[in-house]
Amino acid sequence: MSTPRKEKTLFRPAQADEDCIRVRLDHRTIVLIKNMAKFAYWKERYPNACLLDAETATPKG
């Protein structure tokens, strides 16, 4: 008896809104985060992580 074939997961690019902050984790990986608390999470795992949108990372006021 054969096992059922696994469905392929289709990935599509994330849609960034005005509140998203782009973070480069390594030379080919970019993630979108909603707040700077999440940046600390990624910075622990990827010490070379850097902000791509430095002007949007500051609170608007």
Protein backbone atom coordinates (compact mmCIF):
# COMPACT_ATOMS: atom_id res chain seq x y z
CA MET A 1 0.00 0.00 0.00
CA SER A 2 1.47 3.35 -0.99
CA THR A 3 1.43 6.44 1.17
CA PRO A 4 -0.59 9.43 -0.02
CA ARG A 5 1.41 12.08 -1.81
CA LYS A 6 2.04 15.23 0.16
CA GLU A 7 0.54 18.43 -1.22
CA LYS A 8 3.12 20.95 -2.37
CA THR A 9 3.21 24.21 -0.44
CA LEU A 10 3.25 27.20 -2.72
CA PHE A 11 5.05 30.21 -1.32
CA ARG A 12 4.38 33.73 -2.51
CA PRO A 13 6.14 36.96 -1.60
CA ALA A 14 4.84 38.65 1.54
CA GLN A 15 2.84 41.80 0.98
CA ALA A 16 4.31 44.65 2.99
CA ASP A 17 2.08 47.39 4.36
CA GLU A 18 3.19 50.74 5.75
CA ASP A 19 3.71 49.28 9.27
CA CYS A 20 6.14 46.55 8.20
CA ILE A 21 9.86 46.74 8.90
CA ARG A 22 12.19 44.88 6.55
CA VAL A 23 15.09 43.02 8.17
CA ARG A 24 17.95 41.34 6.31
CA LEU A 25 18.96 38.17 8.16
CA ASP A 26 21.71 37.03 5.82
CA HIS A 27 22.83 37.70 2.26
CA ARG A 28 19.67 36.20 0.73
CA THR A 29 16.96 36.23 3.44
CA ILE A 30 14.71 39.19 4.22
CA VAL A 31 11.83 39.02 6.71
CA LEU A 32 9.02 41.45 7.45
CA ILE A 33 8.28 42.27 11.09
CA LYS A 34 5.59 44.40 12.69
CA ASN A 35 7.51 45.81 15.69
CA MET A 36 11.02 46.16 17.04
CA ALA A 37 10.41 43.53 19.75
CA LYS A 38 10.47 40.94 16.98
CA PHE A 39 13.79 42.34 15.77
CA ALA A 40 15.39 41.30 19.08
CA TYR A 41 14.10 37.75 18.48
CA TRP A 42 15.72 37.58 15.05
CA LYS A 43 18.91 39.32 16.21
CA GLU A 44 19.48 36.52 18.75
CA ARG A 45 19.33 33.91 16.00
CA TYR A 46 21.08 35.95 13.30
CA PRO A 47 23.72 38.22 14.89
CA ASN A 48 24.41 39.92 11.53
CA ALA A 49 20.77 40.93 11.05
CA CYS A 50 20.28 44.54 10.00
CA LEU A 51 17.37 46.86 9.33
CA LEU A 52 16.71 47.76 5.72
CA ASP A 53 14.11 50.43 6.48
CA ALA A 54 15.78 52.41 9.23
CA GLU A 55 13.52 55.44 8.72
CA THR A 56 10.34 53.38 9.19
CA ALA A 57 11.68 51.63 12.31
CA THR A 58 11.37 54.81 14.37
CA PRO A 59 7.96 55.51 15.92
CA LYS A 60 5.93 58.09 14.06
CA GLY A 61 4.74 60.90 16.19
